[in-house]
Protein backbone atom coordinates (compact mmCIF):
# COMPACT_ATOMS: atom_id res chain seq x y z
CA MET A 1 27.41 9.07 12.36
CA GLN A 2 24.84 8.95 9.76
CA THR A 3 23.97 5.86 7.97
CA TYR A 4 23.57 5.26 4.19
CA SER A 5 22.30 2.47 2.41
CA ALA A 6 24.42 1.81 -1.46
CA GLU A 7 21.57 2.03 -3.75
CA SER A 8 20.57 5.49 -1.99
CA ILE A 9 24.18 6.96 -2.27
CA PRO A 10 23.07 8.06 -6.59
CA SER A 11 21.06 10.16 -5.67
CA GLN A 12 22.37 12.07 -2.49
CA TRP A 13 25.88 12.43 -3.33
CA PRO A 14 26.00 15.93 -4.49
CA ALA A 15 24.87 16.15 -0.50
CA LEU A 16 26.25 13.85 1.12
CA LEU A 17 29.93 15.07 -0.44
CA ASP A 18 28.71 18.80 1.57
CA ARG A 19 28.11 16.90 5.28
CA VAL A 20 31.16 15.19 4.55
CA ILE A 21 33.35 18.55 3.67
CA HIS A 22 31.53 19.78 6.40
CA GLY A 23 32.96 17.87 9.16
CA GLU A 24 30.25 15.07 9.15
CA GLU A 25 31.53 11.23 8.39
CA ILE A 26 28.69 9.01 6.59
CA MET A 27 28.79 5.14 6.71
CA ILE A 28 27.50 3.13 3.82
CA THR A 29 25.94 0.44 4.53
CA GLU A 30 24.74 -2.66 2.09
CA GLN A 31 22.18 -5.30 3.21
CA GLU A 32 22.55 -3.38 6.56
CA LYS A 33 25.96 -4.35 6.87
CA PRO A 34 28.70 -1.79 6.63
CA ILE A 35 30.91 -1.66 3.42
CA ALA A 36 32.51 1.77 3.51
CA ARG A 37 32.99 4.74 5.07
CA LEU A 38 32.81 8.25 4.03
CA ILE A 39 35.48 11.25 5.84
CA PRO A 40 36.49 14.32 5.21
CA ALA A 41 40.65 13.95 3.99
CA HIS A 42 42.13 16.21 6.47
CA GLN A 43 40.52 14.28 9.56
CA GLU A 44 43.56 12.63 11.40
CA THR A 45 42.47 8.66 12.92
CA TYR A 46 43.41 7.63 16.53
CA LEU A 47 45.70 5.42 14.55
CA ASP A 48 47.30 8.40 12.82
CA ARG A 49 47.98 10.11 15.59
CA ILE A 50 49.63 6.91 16.95
CA ARG A 51 52.08 6.28 13.87
CA ALA A 52 52.87 10.01 14.01
CA LEU A 53 53.62 10.24 17.67
CA ARG A 54 55.76 6.87 16.98
CA GLY A 55 59.66 6.44 18.79
CA THR A 56 58.78 9.53 19.94
CA LEU A 57 57.27 8.89 22.96
CA ARG A 58 59.57 6.58 25.62
CA GLY A 59 57.69 3.62 28.37
CA ILE A 60 54.28 3.86 26.66
CA ASN A 61 53.75 0.57 23.62
CA THR A 62 52.06 2.11 20.84
CA ASP A 63 52.33 -0.86 18.83
CA VAL A 64 48.63 -1.34 16.51
CA GLU A 65 48.57 -4.83 15.76
CA ASN A 66 44.63 -5.03 13.77
CA GLU A 67 43.33 -1.65 12.81
CA ASP A 68 38.98 -3.47 13.31
CA ASP A 69 40.38 -4.79 17.12
CA PRO A 70 38.89 -2.55 19.38
CA ALA A 71 41.10 -3.39 22.12
């Protein structure tokens, strides 16, 4: 995943959008701290898959407490 500072985004927006459209993820930082992530709209996350399967699995705990918890 490529990382870009928030200050550089306006000048690179078209190129970054093109990269995201082609499946890449972009991390945006401010003062070297992550503040946002650009991902393709069609990209399904791990938590999306768990939520979609909830109720269809037996004997497997699919509870998701906190999305930020790397459990």
